[in-house]
Amino acid sequence: GVGMNRDDLMSHLGTIARSGTSAFMEQLSGDKSKDVNLIGQ
């Protein structure tokens, strides 16, 4: 496919680029059992 260059790798794999992933982080409670379920959600 389109592939990635150095900046793409830094941006896509080194930081949270997607707002959905960032929102996932905001939902984390510190309770392992609850947080594991968030993976599937």
Full PDB file with SEQRES, HELIX, SHEET, SSBOND, CRYST1, ORIGX, SCALE, CONECT and MASTER records, all heavy atoms in Angstrom:
SEQRES   1 A   41  GLY VAL GLY MET ASN ARG ASP ASP LEU MET SER HIS LEU          
SEQRES   2 A   41  GLY THR ILE ALA ARG SER GLY THR SER ALA PHE MET GLU          
SEQRES   3 A   41  GLN LEU SER GLY ASP LYS SER LYS ASP VAL ASN LEU ILE          
SEQRES   4 A   41  GLY GLN                                                      
HELIX    1 AA1 ARG A    6  GLY A   14  1                                   9    
HELIX    2 AA2 SER A   19  GLN A   27  1                                   9    
HELIX    3 AA3 LYS A   32  GLY A   40  1                                   9    
CRYST1    1.000    1.000    1.000  90.00  90.00  90.00 P 1           1          
ORIGX1      1.000000  0.000000  0.000000        0.00000                         
ORIGX2      0.000000  1.000000  0.000000        0.00000                         
ORIGX3      0.000000  0.000000  1.000000        0.00000                         
SCALE1      1.000000  0.000000  0.000000        0.00000                         
SCALE2      0.000000  1.000000  0.000000        0.00000                         
SCALE3      0.000000  0.000000  1.000000        0.00000                         
ATOM      1  N   GLY A   1       0.807  -1.213   0.000  1.00  0.00           N  
ATOM      2  CA  GLY A   1       0.000   0.000   0.000  1.00  0.00           C  
ATOM      3  C   GLY A   1       0.834   1.254   0.000  1.00  0.00           C  
ATOM      4  O   GLY A   1       1.967   1.272  -0.499  1.00  0.00           O  
ATOM      5  N   VAL A   2       0.316   2.307   0.611  1.00  0.00           N  
ATOM      6  CA  VAL A   2       0.946   3.619   0.514  1.00  0.00           C  
ATOM      7  C   VAL A   2       2.256   3.702   1.291  1.00  0.00           C  
ATOM      8  O   VAL A   2       3.132   4.498   0.970  1.00  0.00           O  
ATOM      9  CB  VAL A   2      -0.032   4.713   0.987  1.00  0.00           C  
ATOM     10  CG1 VAL A   2      -0.222   4.665   2.496  1.00  0.00           C  
ATOM     11  CG2 VAL A   2       0.402   6.094   0.517  1.00  0.00           C  
ATOM     12  N   GLY A   3       2.430   2.869   2.338  1.00  0.00           N  
ATOM     13  CA  GLY A   3       3.671   2.864   3.093  1.00  0.00           C  
ATOM     14  C   GLY A   3       3.828   4.079   3.996  1.00  0.00           C  
ATOM     15  O   GLY A   3       2.996   4.992   4.018  1.00  0.00           O  
ATOM     16  N   MET A   4       4.944   4.098   4.751  1.00  0.00           N  
ATOM     17  CA  MET A   4       5.219   5.196   5.686  1.00  0.00           C  
ATOM     18  C   MET A   4       6.678   5.612   5.586  1.00  0.00           C  
ATOM     19  O   MET A   4       7.559   4.782   5.364  1.00  0.00           O  
ATOM     20  CB  MET A   4       4.914   4.756   7.128  1.00  0.00           C  
ATOM     21  CG  MET A   4       3.449   4.507   7.425  1.00  0.00           C  
ATOM     22  SD  MET A   4       3.145   3.943   9.130  1.00  0.00           S  
ATOM     23  CE  MET A   4       3.630   2.211   8.995  1.00  0.00           C  
ATOM     24  N   ASN A   5       6.924   6.890   5.773  1.00  0.00           N  
ATOM     25  CA  ASN A   5       8.294   7.374   5.885  1.00  0.00           C  
ATOM     26  C   ASN A   5       8.621   7.608   7.361  1.00  0.00           C  
ATOM     27  O   ASN A   5       7.822   7.253   8.244  1.00  0.00           O  
ATOM     28  CB  ASN A   5       8.495   8.641   5.049  1.00  0.00           C  
ATOM     29  CG  ASN A   5       7.522   9.754   5.421  1.00  0.00           C  
ATOM     30  OD1 ASN A   5       7.046   9.822   6.551  1.00  0.00           O  
ATOM     31  ND2 ASN A   5       7.219  10.614   4.454  1.00  0.00           N  
ATOM     32  N   ARG A   6       9.751   8.208   7.629  1.00  0.00           N  
ATOM     33  CA  ARG A   6      10.175   8.382   9.018  1.00  0.00           C  
ATOM     34  C   ARG A   6       9.148   9.182   9.816  1.00  0.00           C  
ATOM     35  O   ARG A   6       8.777   8.804  10.942  1.00  0.00           O  
ATOM     36  CB  ARG A   6      11.531   9.096   9.058  1.00  0.00           C  
ATOM     37  CG  ARG A   6      12.018   9.419  10.473  1.00  0.00           C  
ATOM     38  CD  ARG A   6      13.268  10.301  10.447  1.00  0.00           C  
ATOM     39  NE  ARG A   6      13.642  10.695  11.804  1.00  0.00           N  
ATOM     40  CZ  ARG A   6      13.070  11.697  12.474  1.00  0.00           C  
ATOM     41  NH1 ARG A   6      12.076  12.392  11.922  1.00  0.00           N  
ATOM     42  NH2 ARG A   6      13.479  11.991  13.704  1.00  0.00           N  
ATOM     43  N   ASP A   7       8.674  10.298   9.260  1.00  0.00           N  
ATOM     44  CA  ASP A   7       7.727  11.136   9.991  1.00  0.00           C  
ATOM     45  C   ASP A   7       6.412  10.404  10.239  1.00  0.00           C  
ATOM     46  O   ASP A   7       5.785  10.566  11.295  1.00  0.00           O  
ATOM     47  CB  ASP A   7       7.467  12.431   9.220  1.00  0.00           C  
ATOM     48  CG  ASP A   7       8.692  13.345   9.201  1.00  0.00           C  
ATOM     49  OD1 ASP A   7       9.582  13.147  10.048  1.00  0.00           O  
ATOM     50  OD2 ASP A   7       8.753  14.233   8.325  1.00  0.00           O  
ATOM     51  N   ASP A   8       5.987   9.606   9.261  1.00  0.00           N  
ATOM     52  CA  ASP A   8       4.756   8.833   9.438  1.00  0.00           C  
ATOM     53  C   ASP A   8       4.897   7.840  10.589  1.00  0.00           C  
ATOM     54  O   ASP A   8       3.976   7.670  11.401  1.00  0.00           O  
ATOM     55  CB  ASP A   8       4.413   8.073   8.152  1.00  0.00           C  
ATOM     56  CG  ASP A   8       4.034   8.997   7.006  1.00  0.00           C  
ATOM     57  OD1 ASP A   8       3.527  10.099   7.284  1.00  0.00           O  
ATOM     58  OD2 ASP A   8       4.260   8.612   5.843  1.00  0.00           O  
ATOM     59  N   LEU A   9       6.044   7.154  10.648  1.00  0.00           N  
ATOM     60  CA  LEU A   9       6.276   6.181  11.721  1.00  0.00           C  
ATOM     61  C   LEU A   9       6.259   6.868  13.079  1.00  0.00           C  
ATOM     62  O   LEU A   9       5.688   6.349  14.041  1.00  0.00           O  
ATOM     63  CB  LEU A   9       7.615   5.474  11.506  1.00  0.00           C  
ATOM     64  CG  LEU A   9       7.666   4.477  10.335  1.00  0.00           C  
ATOM     65  CD1 LEU A   9       9.105   4.052  10.069  1.00  0.00           C  
ATOM     66  CD2 LEU A   9       6.807   3.247  10.631  1.00  0.00           C  
ATOM     67  N   MET A  10       6.894   8.034  13.152  1.00  0.00           N  
ATOM     68  CA  MET A  10       6.916   8.790  14.412  1.00  0.00           C  
ATOM     69  C   MET A  10       5.494   9.193  14.809  1.00  0.00           C  
ATOM     70  O   MET A  10       5.085   9.057  15.965  1.00  0.00           O  
ATOM     71  CB  MET A  10       7.764  10.051  14.241  1.00  0.00           C  
ATOM     72  CG  MET A  10       9.244   9.798  14.057  1.00  0.00           C  
ATOM     73  SD  MET A  10      10.102   9.611  15.633  1.00  0.00           S  
ATOM     74  CE  MET A  10       9.980  11.266  16.291  1.00  0.00           C  
ATOM     75  N   SER A  11       4.732   9.668  13.839  1.00  0.00           N  
ATOM     76  CA  SER A  11       3.402  10.192  14.117  1.00  0.00           C  
ATOM     77  C   SER A  11       2.398   9.088  14.421  1.00  0.00           C  
ATOM     78  O   SER A  11       1.627   9.174  15.378  1.00  0.00           O  
ATOM     79  CB  SER A  11       2.948  11.021  12.917  1.00  0.00           C  
ATOM     80  OG  SER A  11       1.592  11.078  12.807  1.00  0.00           O  
ATOM     81  N   HIS A  12       2.419   8.009  13.603  1.00  0.00           N  
ATOM     82  CA  HIS A  12       1.395   6.971  13.729  1.00  0.00           C  
ATOM     83  C   HIS A  12       1.693   5.967  14.834  1.00  0.00           C  
ATOM     84  O   HIS A  12       0.770   5.434  15.466  1.00  0.00           O  
ATOM     85  CB  HIS A  12       1.230   6.218  12.410  1.00  0.00           C  
ATOM     86  CG  HIS A  12       0.769   7.089  11.285  1.00  0.00           C  
ATOM     87  ND1 HIS A  12       0.060   8.246  11.465  1.00  0.00           N  
ATOM     88  CD2 HIS A  12       0.929   6.963   9.930  1.00  0.00           C  
ATOM     89  CE1 HIS A  12      -0.207   8.799  10.298  1.00  0.00           C  
ATOM     90  NE2 HIS A  12       0.317   8.044   9.351  1.00  0.00           N  
ATOM     91  N   LEU A  13       2.965   5.681  15.074  1.00  0.00           N  
ATOM     92  CA  LEU A  13       3.309   4.620  16.024  1.00  0.00           C  
ATOM     93  C   LEU A  13       3.936   5.121  17.318  1.00  0.00           C  
ATOM     94  O   LEU A  13       4.059   4.349  18.270  1.00  0.00           O  
ATOM     95  CB  LEU A  13       4.263   3.615  15.352  1.00  0.00           C  
ATOM     96  CG  LEU A  13       3.781   3.008  14.037  1.00  0.00           C  
ATOM     97  CD1 LEU A  13       4.752   1.925  13.576  1.00  0.00           C  
ATOM     98  CD2 LEU A  13       2.382   2.449  14.165  1.00  0.00           C  
ATOM     99  N   GLY A  14       4.331   6.386  17.353  1.00  0.00           N  
ATOM    100  CA  GLY A  14       4.967   6.898  18.565  1.00  0.00           C  
ATOM    101  C   GLY A  14       4.075   7.769  19.408  1.00  0.00           C  
ATOM    102  O   GLY A  14       4.349   8.012  20.577  1.00  0.00           O  
ATOM    103  N   THR A  15       2.989   8.259  18.817  1.00  0.00           N  
ATOM    104  CA  THR A  15       2.056   9.119  19.547  1.00  0.00           C  
ATOM    105  C   THR A  15       0.636   8.645  19.292  1.00  0.00           C  
ATOM    106  O   THR A  15       0.375   7.883  18.360  1.00  0.00           O  
ATOM    107  CB  THR A  15       2.166  10.585  19.083  1.00  0.00           C  
ATOM    108  OG1 THR A  15       1.799  10.656  17.704  1.00  0.00           O  
ATOM    109  CG2 THR A  15       3.579  11.106  19.262  1.00  0.00           C  
ATOM    110  N   ILE A  16      -0.272   9.111  20.126  1.00  0.00           N  
ATOM    111  CA  ILE A  16      -1.686   8.796  19.917  1.00  0.00           C  
ATOM    112  C   ILE A  16      -2.230   9.793  18.906  1.00  0.00           C  
ATOM    113  O   ILE A  16      -2.438  10.957  19.218  1.00  0.00           O  
ATOM    114  CB  ILE A  16      -2.479   8.850  21.228  1.00  0.00           C  
ATOM    115  CG1 ILE A  16      -2.082   7.674  22.122  1.00  0.00           C  
ATOM    116  CG2 ILE A  16      -3.966   8.813  20.962  1.00  0.00           C  
ATOM    117  CD1 ILE A  16      -2.842   7.604  23.409  1.00  0.00           C  
ATOM    118  N   ALA A  17      -2.402   9.336  17.680  1.00  0.00           N  
ATOM    119  CA  ALA A  17      -2.843  10.225  16.608  1.00  0.00           C  
ATOM    120  C   ALA A  17      -4.358  10.231  16.466  1.00  0.00           C  
ATOM    121  O   ALA A  17      -4.953  11.222  16.086  1.00  0.00           O  
ATOM    122  CB  ALA A  17      -2.194   9.809  15.292  1.00  0.00           C  
ATOM    123  N   ARG A  18      -4.985   9.099  16.756  1.00  0.00           N  
ATOM    124  CA  ARG A  18      -6.428   8.987  16.573  1.00  0.00           C  
ATOM    125  C   ARG A  18      -7.162   9.430  17.827  1.00  0.00           C  
ATOM    126  O   ARG A  18      -6.837   9.007  18.931  1.00  0.00           O  
ATOM    127  CB  ARG A  18      -6.827   7.544  16.249  1.00  0.00           C  
ATOM    128  CG  ARG A  18      -6.465   7.093  14.846  1.00  0.00           C  
ATOM    129  CD  ARG A  18      -6.830   5.627  14.659  1.00  0.00           C  
ATOM    130  NE  ARG A  18      -8.211   5.383  15.043  1.00  0.00           N  
ATOM    131  CZ  ARG A  18      -8.649   4.185  15.439  1.00  0.00           C  
ATOM    132  NH1 ARG A  18      -7.821   3.168  15.536  1.00  0.00           N  
ATOM    133  NH2 ARG A  18      -9.913   4.027  15.749  1.00  0.00           N  
ATOM    134  N   SER A  19      -8.165  10.291  17.632  1.00  0.00           N  
ATOM    135  CA  SER A  19      -8.918  10.773  18.786  1.00  0.00           C  
ATOM    136  C   SER A  19      -9.613   9.634  19.509  1.00  0.00           C  
ATOM    137  O   SER A  19      -9.850   9.685  20.704  1.00  0.00           O  
ATOM    138  CB  SER A  19      -9.958  11.816  18.340  1.00  0.00           C  
ATOM    139  OG  SER A  19     -10.859  11.252  17.407  1.00  0.00           O  
ATOM    140  N   GLY A  20      -9.954   8.586  18.770  1.00  0.00           N  
ATOM    141  CA  GLY A  20     -10.610   7.437  19.402  1.00  0.00           C  
ATOM    142  C   GLY A  20      -9.700   6.762  20.407  1.00  0.00           C  
ATOM    143  O   GLY A  20     -10.121   6.367  21.492  1.00  0.00           O  
ATOM    144  N   THR A  21      -8.408   6.621  20.060  1.00  0.00           N  
ATOM    145  CA  THR A  21      -7.463   6.009  20.987  1.00  0.00           C  
ATOM    146  C   THR A  21      -7.247   6.906  22.189  1.00  0.00           C  
ATOM    147  O   THR A  21      -7.131   6.448  23.317  1.00  0.00           O  
ATOM    148  CB  THR A  21      -6.122   5.734  20.278  1.00  0.00           C  
ATOM    149  OG1 THR A  21      -6.373   4.984  19.089  1.00  0.00           O  
ATOM    150  CG2 THR A  21      -5.195   4.946  21.164  1.00  0.00           C  
ATOM    151  N   SER A  22      -7.192   8.216  21.947  1.00  0.00           N  
ATOM    152  CA  SER A  22      -7.033   9.150  23.053  1.00  0.00           C  
ATOM    153  C   SER A  22      -8.212   9.062  24.009  1.00  0.00           C  
ATOM    154  O   SER A  22      -8.050   9.055  25.230  1.00  0.00           O  
ATOM    155  CB  SER A  22      -6.904  10.579  22.504  1.00  0.00           C  
ATOM    156  OG  SER A  22      -6.763  11.500  23.551  1.00  0.00           O  
ATOM    157  N   ALA A  23      -9.408   8.959  23.451  1.00  0.00           N  
ATOM    158  CA  ALA A  23     -10.601   8.830  24.295  1.00  0.00           C  
ATOM    159  C   ALA A  23     -10.569   7.522  25.078  1.00  0.00           C  
ATOM    160  O   ALA A  23     -11.024   7.456  26.217  1.00  0.00           O  
ATOM    161  CB  ALA A  23     -11.862   8.896  23.436  1.00  0.00           C  
ATOM    162  N   PHE A  24     -10.041   6.478  24.458  1.00  0.00           N  
ATOM    163  CA  PHE A  24      -9.885   5.200  25.155  1.00  0.00           C  
ATOM    164  C   PHE A  24      -9.041   5.410  26.413  1.00  0.00           C  
ATOM    165  O   PHE A  24      -9.364   4.909  27.486  1.00  0.00           O  
ATOM    166  CB  PHE A  24      -9.208   4.188  24.224  1.00  0.00           C  
ATOM    167  CG  PHE A  24      -8.758   2.913  24.903  1.00  0.00           C  
ATOM    168  CD1 PHE A  24      -9.617   1.837  25.006  1.00  0.00           C  
ATOM    169  CD2 PHE A  24      -7.487   2.791  25.433  1.00  0.00           C  
ATOM    170  CE1 PHE A  24      -9.222   0.668  25.627  1.00  0.00           C  
ATOM    171  CE2 PHE A  24      -7.079   1.626  26.048  1.00  0.00           C  
ATOM    172  CZ  PHE A  24      -7.944   0.563  26.145  1.00  0.00           C  
ATOM    173  N   MET A  25      -7.954   6.175  26.266  1.00  0.00           N  
ATOM    174  CA  MET A  25      -7.075   6.398  27.414  1.00  0.00           C  
ATOM    175  C   MET A  25      -7.796   7.142  28.533  1.00  0.00           C  
ATOM    176  O   MET A  25      -7.566   6.887  29.712  1.00  0.00           O  
ATOM    177  CB  MET A  25      -5.845   7.200  26.974  1.00  0.00           C  
ATOM    178  CG  MET A  25      -4.948   6.478  25.970  1.00  0.00           C  
ATOM    179  SD  MET A  25      -4.394   4.866  26.579  1.00  0.00           S  
ATOM    180  CE  MET A  25      -3.624   5.339  28.119  1.00  0.00           C  
ATOM    181  N   GLU A  26      -8.675   8.059  28.156  1.00  0.00           N  
ATOM    182  CA  GLU A  26      -9.406   8.826  29.165  1.00  0.00           C  
ATOM    183  C   GLU A  26     -10.355   7.946  29.963  1.00  0.00           C  
ATOM    184  O   GLU A  26     -10.738   8.282  31.083  1.00  0.00           O  
ATOM    185  CB  GLU A  26     -10.180   9.961  28.498  1.00  0.00           C  
ATOM    186  CG  GLU A  26      -9.273  11.015  27.871  1.00  0.00           C  
ATOM    187  CD  GLU A  26     -10.063  12.022  27.063  1.00  0.00           C  
ATOM    188  OE1 GLU A  26     -11.311  11.918  27.054  1.00  0.00           O  
ATOM    189  OE2 GLU A  26      -9.439  12.905  26.448  1.00  0.00           O  
ATOM    190  N   GLN A  27     -10.743   6.800  29.396  1.00  0.00           N  
ATOM    191  CA  GLN A  27     -11.688   5.907  30.061  1.00  0.00           C  
ATOM    192  C   GLN A  27     -11.001   4.991  31.072  1.00  0.00           C  
ATOM    193  O   GLN A  27     -11.661   4.360  31.892  1.00  0.00           O  
ATOM    194  CB  GLN A  27     -12.412   5.035  29.023  1.00  0.00           C  
ATOM    195  CG  GLN A  27     -13.289   5.827  28.067  1.00  0.00           C  
ATOM    196  CD  GLN A  27     -14.573   6.281  28.718  1.00  0.00           C  
ATOM    197  OE1 GLN A  27     -15.090   5.625  29.616  1.00  0.00           O  
ATOM    198  NE2 GLN A  27     -15.093   7.414  28.290  1.00  0.00           N  
ATOM    199  N   LEU A  28      -9.663   4.890  31.001  1.00  0.00           N  
ATOM    200  CA  LEU A  28      -8.970   3.949  31.876  1.00  0.00           C  
ATOM    201  C   LEU A  28      -9.136   4.352  33.335  1.00  0.00           C  
ATOM    202  O   LEU A  28      -8.960   5.498  33.713  1.00  0.00           O  
ATOM    203  CB  LEU A  28      -7.476   3.899  31.518  1.00  0.00           C  
ATOM    204  CG  LEU A  28      -7.154   3.340  30.125  1.00  0.00           C  
ATOM    205  CD1 LEU A  28      -5.653   3.338  29.905  1.00  0.00           C  
ATOM    206  CD2 LEU A  28      -7.713   1.944  29.952  1.00  0.00           C  
ATOM    207  N   SER A  29      -9.459   3.364  34.161  1.00  0.00           N  
ATOM    208  CA  SER A  29      -9.759   3.639  35.561  1.00  0.00           C  
ATOM    209  C   SER A  29      -8.651   3.214  36.507  1.00  0.00           C  
ATOM    210  O   SER A  29      -8.598   3.639  37.656  1.00  0.00           O  
ATOM    211  CB  SER A  29     -11.050   2.903  35.954  1.00  0.00           C  
ATOM    212  OG  SER A  29     -10.858   1.503  35.858  1.00  0.00           O  
ATOM    213  N   GLY A  30      -7.765   2.348  36.043  1.00  0.00           N  
ATOM    214  CA  GLY A  30      -6.749   1.785  36.927  1.00  0.00           C  
ATOM    215  C   GLY A  30      -7.148   0.424  37.452  1.00  0.00           C  
ATOM    216  O   GLY A  30      -6.323  -0.326  37.978  1.00  0.00           O  
ATOM    217  N   ASP A  31      -8.414   0.066  37.310  1.00  0.00           N  
ATOM    218  CA  ASP A  31      -8.900  -1.257  37.687  1.00  0.00           C  
ATOM    219  C   ASP A  31      -8.640  -2.199  36.512  1.00  0.00           C  
ATOM    220  O   ASP A  31      -9.226  -2.061  35.443  1.00  0.00           O  
ATOM    221  CB  ASP A  31     -10.399  -1.191  37.996  1.00  0.00           C  
ATOM    222  CG  ASP A  31     -10.953  -2.523  38.501  1.00  0.00           C  
ATOM    223  OD1 ASP A  31     -10.548  -3.578  37.966  1.00  0.00           O  
ATOM    224  OD2 ASP A  31     -11.791  -2.504  39.414  1.00  0.00           O  
ATOM    225  N   LYS A  32      -7.742  -3.173  36.700  1.00  0.00           N  
ATOM    226  CA  LYS A  32      -7.306  -4.016  35.582  1.00  0.00           C  
ATOM    227  C   LYS A  32      -8.469  -4.750  34.922  1.00  0.00           C  
ATOM    228  O   LYS A  32      -8.557  -4.829  33.705  1.00  0.00           O  
ATOM    229  CB  LYS A  32      -6.259  -5.029  36.070  1.00  0.00           C  
ATOM    230  CG  LYS A  32      -4.904  -4.405  36.359  1.00  0.00           C  
ATOM    231  CD  LYS A  32      -3.870  -5.472  36.688  1.00  0.00           C  
ATOM    232  CE  LYS A  32      -2.496  -4.850  36.913  1.00  0.00           C  
ATOM    233  NZ  LYS A  32      -1.476  -5.860  37.232  1.00  0.00           N  
ATOM    234  N   SER A  33      -9.376  -5.279  35.704  1.00  0.00           N  
ATOM    235  CA  SER A  33     -10.476  -6.052  35.120  1.00  0.00           C  
ATOM    236  C   SER A  33     -11.374  -5.162  34.271  1.00  0.00           C  
ATOM    237  O   SER A  33     -11.826  -5.547  33.198  1.00  0.00           O  
ATOM    238  CB  SER A  33     -11.293  -6.726  36.226  1.00  0.00           C  
ATOM    239  OG  SER A  33     -11.853  -5.755  37.094  1.00  0.00           O  
ATOM    240  N   LYS A  34     -11.630  -3.930  34.752  1.00  0.00           N  
ATOM    241  CA  LYS A  34     -12.469  -3.012  33.989  1.00  0.00           C  
ATOM    242  C   LYS A  34     -11.745  -2.521  32.742  1.00  0.00           C  
ATOM    243  O   LYS A  34     -12.319  -2.422  31.662  1.00  0.00           O  
ATOM    244  CB  LYS A  34     -12.878  -1.813  34.859  1.00  0.00           C  
ATOM    245  CG  LYS A  34     -13.826  -2.163  36.000  1.00  0.00           C  
ATOM    246  CD  LYS A  34     -14.182  -0.916  36.790  1.00  0.00           C  
ATOM    247  CE  LYS A  34     -15.130  -1.258  37.941  1.00  0.00           C  
ATOM    248  NZ  LYS A  34     -15.464  -0.047  38.748  1.00  0.00           N  
ATOM    249  N   ASP A  35     -10.462  -2.214  32.893  1.00  0.00           N  
ATOM    250  CA  ASP A  35      -9.704  -1.674  31.766  1.00  0.00           C  
ATOM    251  C   ASP A  35      -9.525  -2.694  30.657  1.00  0.00           C  
ATOM    252  O   ASP A  35      -9.513  -2.355  29.477  1.00  0.00           O  
ATOM    253  CB  ASP A  35      -8.335  -1.166  32.244  1.00  0.00           C  
ATOM    254  CG  ASP A  35      -8.459   0.075  33.123  1.00  0.00           C  
ATOM    255  OD1 ASP A  35      -9.545   0.676  33.114  1.00  0.00           O  
ATOM    256  OD2 ASP A  35      -7.486   0.426  33.792  1.00  0.00           O  
ATOM    257  N   VAL A  36      -9.388  -3.965  31.012  1.00  0.00           N  
ATOM    258  CA  VAL A  36      -9.258  -5.012  29.999  1.00  0.00           C  
ATOM    259  C   VAL A  36     -10.510  -5.058  29.137  1.00  0.00           C  
ATOM    260  O   VAL A  36     -10.446  -5.231  27.918  1.00  0.00           O  
ATOM    261  CB  VAL A  36      -8.989  -6.378  30.666  1.00  0.00           C  
ATOM    262  CG1 VAL A  36      -9.293  -7.519  29.700  1.00  0.00           C  
ATOM    263  CG2 VAL A  36      -7.547  -6.469  31.114  1.00  0.00           C  
ATOM    264  N   ASN A  37     -11.677  -4.881  29.762  1.00  0.00           N  
ATOM    265  CA  ASN A  37     -12.923  -4.897  28.993  1.00  0.00           C  
ATOM    266  C   ASN A  37     -12.998  -3.739  28.007  1.00  0.00           C  
ATOM    267  O   ASN A  37     -13.653  -3.840  26.970  1.00  0.00           O  
ATOM    268  CB  ASN A  37     -14.126  -4.832  29.952  1.00  0.00           C  
ATOM    269  CG  ASN A  37     -14.289  -6.117  30.747  1.00  0.00           C  
ATOM    270  OD1 ASN A  37     -13.898  -7.179  30.276  1.00  0.00           O  
ATOM    271  ND2 ASN A  37     -14.856  -6.007  31.925  1.00  0.00           N  
ATOM    272  N   LEU A  38     -12.310  -2.638  28.326  1.00  0.00           N  
ATOM    273  CA  LEU A  38     -12.319  -1.504  27.423  1.00  0.00           C  
ATOM    274  C   LEU A  38     -11.628  -1.823  26.104  1.00  0.00           C  
ATOM    275  O   LEU A  38     -11.922  -1.221  25.081  1.00  0.00           O  
ATOM    276  CB  LEU A  38     -11.634  -0.291  28.075  1.00  0.00           C  
ATOM    277  CG  LEU A  38     -12.414   0.418  29.183  1.00  0.00           C  
ATOM    278  CD1 LEU A  38     -11.555   1.487  29.814  1.00  0.00           C  
ATOM    279  CD2 LEU A  38     -13.683   1.034  28.624  1.00  0.00           C  
ATOM    280  N   ILE A  39     -10.699  -2.773  26.123  1.00  0.00           N  
ATOM    281  CA  ILE A  39     -10.025  -3.168  24.885  1.00  0.00           C  
ATOM    282  C   ILE A  39     -11.068  -3.647  23.893  1.00  0.00           C  
ATOM    283  O   ILE A  39     -11.084  -3.261  22.727  1.00  0.00           O  
ATOM    284  CB  ILE A  39      -8.984  -4.280  25.139  1.00  0.00           C  
ATOM    285  CG1 ILE A  39      -7.925  -3.804  26.130  1.00  0.00           C  
ATOM    286  CG2 ILE A  39      -8.334  -4.706  23.830  1.00  0.00           C  
ATOM    287  CD1 ILE A  39      -6.979  -4.914  26.564  1.00  0.00           C  
ATOM    288  N   GLY A  40     -11.942  -4.511  24.341  1.00  0.00           N  
ATOM    289  CA  GLY A  40     -12.970  -5.044  23.458  1.00  0.00           C  
ATOM    290  C   GLY A  40     -14.011  -4.014  23.089  1.00  0.00           C  
ATOM    291  O   GLY A  40     -14.618  -4.091  22.034  1.00  0.00           O  
ATOM    292  N   GLN A  41     -14.213  -3.019  23.951  1.00  0.00           N  
ATOM    293  CA  GLN A  41     -15.252  -2.025  23.690  1.00  0.00           C  
ATOM    294  C   GLN A  41     -14.807  -0.991  22.668  1.00  0.00           C  
ATOM    295  O   GLN A  41     -15.557  -0.598  21.795  1.00  0.00           O  
ATOM    296  CB  GLN A  41     -15.631  -1.313  24.992  1.00  0.00           C  
ATOM    297  CG  GLN A  41     -16.796  -0.340  24.846  1.00  0.00           C  
ATOM    298  CD  GLN A  41     -17.191   0.263  26.163  1.00  0.00           C  
ATOM    299  OE1 GLN A  41     -16.754  -0.181  27.222  1.00  0.00           O  
ATOM    300  NE2 GLN A  41     -18.013   1.288  26.114  1.00  0.00           N  
TER     301      GLN A  41                                                      
MASTER        0    0    0    3    0    0    0    6  300    1    0    4          
END                                                                             
